[in-house]
Amino acid sequence: MCYKVVERYSVCKCVYFQHSIDPCSAYGQRGHSIQEKTVLVGYACARHSAHSSPTSPTTGRWPDSGYSSSKGSGR
């Protein structure tokens, strides 16, 4: 089975980046399909983050997911 990885913003689902197809031996044959795998990145694209209301009205920004936060985990 062929796979195509597509990176999308997690809030608006706009495409961030499309990777090339990882072909299998059946690539290009009749009836063969390509399965799309989605990886969520960031929050929203520049177009949608500027026009949509943030989830935190006090800061005016999207909350931190914690994945790249500089706060230590205490371990």
C-alpha atoms as a PDB file:
ATOM      1  CA  MET A   1       0.000   0.000   0.000  1.00  0.00           C
ATOM      2  CA  CYS A   2       1.295   3.459  -0.914  1.00  0.00           C
ATOM      3  CA  TYR A   3       1.256   6.210   1.688  1.00  0.00           C
ATOM      4  CA  LYS A   4       1.163   9.978   1.394  1.00  0.00           C
ATOM      5  CA  VAL A   5       1.920  11.961   4.548  1.00  0.00           C
ATOM      6  CA  VAL A   6       0.139  15.318   4.840  1.00  0.00           C
ATOM      7  CA  GLU A   7       0.906  17.744   7.668  1.00  0.00           C
ATOM      8  CA  ARG A   8      -2.118  19.851   8.666  1.00  0.00           C
ATOM      9  CA  TYR A   9      -2.745  22.536  11.260  1.00  0.00           C
ATOM     10  CA  SER A  10      -4.703  21.006  14.132  1.00  0.00           C
ATOM     11  CA  VAL A  11      -7.366  23.736  14.448  1.00  0.00           C
ATOM     12  CA  CYS A  12      -8.192  24.833  10.902  1.00  0.00           C
ATOM     13  CA  LYS A  13      -7.002  21.663   9.082  1.00  0.00           C
ATOM     14  CA  CYS A  14      -5.235  23.718   6.385  1.00  0.00           C
ATOM     15  CA  VAL A  15      -2.293  21.954   4.718  1.00  0.00           C
ATOM     16  CA  TYR A  16       1.100  22.829   6.217  1.00  0.00           C
ATOM     17  CA  PHE A  17       3.152  20.468   4.017  1.00  0.00           C
ATOM     18  CA  GLN A  18       2.529  17.505   1.703  1.00  0.00           C
ATOM     19  CA  HIS A  19       5.261  14.891   1.494  1.00  0.00           C
ATOM     20  CA  SER A  20       5.857  12.904  -1.671  1.00  0.00           C
ATOM     21  CA  ILE A  21       4.206   9.513  -2.058  1.00  0.00           C
ATOM     22  CA  ASP A  22       6.038   6.531  -0.579  1.00  0.00           C
ATOM     23  CA  PRO A  23       5.388   4.023  -3.381  1.00  0.00           C
ATOM     24  CA  CYS A  24       4.950   0.279  -3.002  1.00  0.00           C
ATOM     25  CA  SER A  25       5.437  -2.396  -5.676  1.00  0.00           C
ATOM     26  CA  ALA A  26       1.845  -1.942  -6.904  1.00  0.00           C
ATOM     27  CA  TYR A  27       2.224   1.818  -7.475  1.00  0.00           C
ATOM     28  CA  GLY A  28       0.617   2.950 -10.722  1.00  0.00           C
ATOM     29  CA  GLN A  29      -1.352  -0.217 -11.308  1.00  0.00           C
ATOM     30  CA  ARG A  30      -5.063  -0.055 -12.038  1.00  0.00           C
ATOM     31  CA  GLY A  31      -7.247  -0.094  -8.924  1.00  0.00           C
ATOM     32  CA  HIS A  32      -4.364   0.684  -6.586  1.00  0.00           C
ATOM     33  CA  SER A  33      -5.055   3.469  -4.125  1.00  0.00           C
ATOM     34  CA  ILE A  34      -2.887   5.792  -2.068  1.00  0.00           C
ATOM     35  CA  GLN A  35      -3.657   6.040   1.631  1.00  0.00           C
ATOM     36  CA  GLU A  36      -3.265   9.514   3.129  1.00  0.00           C
ATOM     37  CA  LYS A  37      -1.847   9.762   6.643  1.00  0.00           C
ATOM     38  CA  THR A  38      -2.409  13.050   8.475  1.00  0.00           C
ATOM     39  CA  VAL A  39       0.001  14.519  11.012  1.00  0.00           C
ATOM     40  CA  LEU A  40      -1.305  17.486  13.015  1.00  0.00           C
ATOM     41  CA  VAL A  41       1.113  20.381  13.547  1.00  0.00           C
ATOM     42  CA  GLY A  42       0.761  23.729  15.295  1.00  0.00           C
ATOM     43  CA  TYR A  43      -2.621  25.299  15.956  1.00  0.00           C
ATOM     44  CA  ALA A  44      -3.845  27.353  13.000  1.00  0.00           C
ATOM     45  CA  CYS A  45      -2.347  28.824   9.847  1.00  0.00           C
ATOM     46  CA  ALA A  46      -1.597  32.545   9.666  1.00  0.00           C
ATOM     47  CA  ARG A  47      -4.809  33.173   7.715  1.00  0.00           C
ATOM     48  CA  HIS A  48      -7.071  31.515  10.288  1.00  0.00           C
ATOM     49  CA  SER A  49      -5.242  32.477  13.477  1.00  0.00           C
ATOM     50  CA  ALA A  50      -5.600  36.171  12.644  1.00  0.00           C
ATOM     51  CA  HIS A  51      -9.378  35.969  12.069  1.00  0.00           C
ATOM     52  CA  SER A  52     -10.553  33.403  14.579  1.00  0.00           C
ATOM     53  CA  SER A  53     -11.134  34.166  18.208  1.00  0.00           C
ATOM     54  CA  PRO A  54      -8.541  32.566  20.481  1.00  0.00           C
ATOM     55  CA  THR A  55      -9.547  30.188  23.224  1.00  0.00           C
ATOM     56  CA  SER A  56      -8.019  32.456  25.864  1.00  0.00           C
ATOM     57  CA  PRO A  57      -9.685  35.899  25.851  1.00  0.00           C
ATOM     58  CA  THR A  58      -7.265  37.327  28.425  1.00  0.00           C
ATOM     59  CA  THR A  59      -4.034  36.692  26.488  1.00  0.00           C
ATOM     60  CA  GLY A  60      -5.384  36.853  22.934  1.00  0.00           C
ATOM     61  CA  ARG A  61      -3.285  33.807  22.027  1.00  0.00           C
ATOM     62  CA  TRP A  62      -3.783  30.070  21.644  1.00  0.00           C
ATOM     63  CA  PRO A  63      -2.760  28.138  24.766  1.00  0.00           C
ATOM     64  CA  ASP A  64       0.543  26.273  24.877  1.00  0.00           C
ATOM     65  CA  SER A  65       0.229  22.580  23.976  1.00  0.00           C
ATOM     66  CA  GLY A  66       3.055  21.701  26.367  1.00  0.00           C
ATOM     67  CA  TYR A  67       5.085  19.831  23.754  1.00  0.00           C
ATOM     68  CA  SER A  68       7.593  22.618  23.218  1.00  0.00           C
ATOM     69  CA  SER A  69       7.073  24.453  26.468  1.00  0.00           C
ATOM     70  CA  SER A  70      10.177  25.674  28.283  1.00  0.00           C
ATOM     71  CA  LYS A  71       8.652  24.714  31.643  1.00  0.00           C
ATOM     72  CA  GLY A  72      10.507  21.851  33.297  1.00  0.00           C
ATOM     73  CA  SER A  73       8.736  18.620  34.126  1.00  0.00           C
ATOM     74  CA  GLY A  74      10.420  18.328  37.513  1.00  0.00           C
ATOM     75  CA  ARG A  75      12.104  15.025  36.677  1.00  0.00           C
END
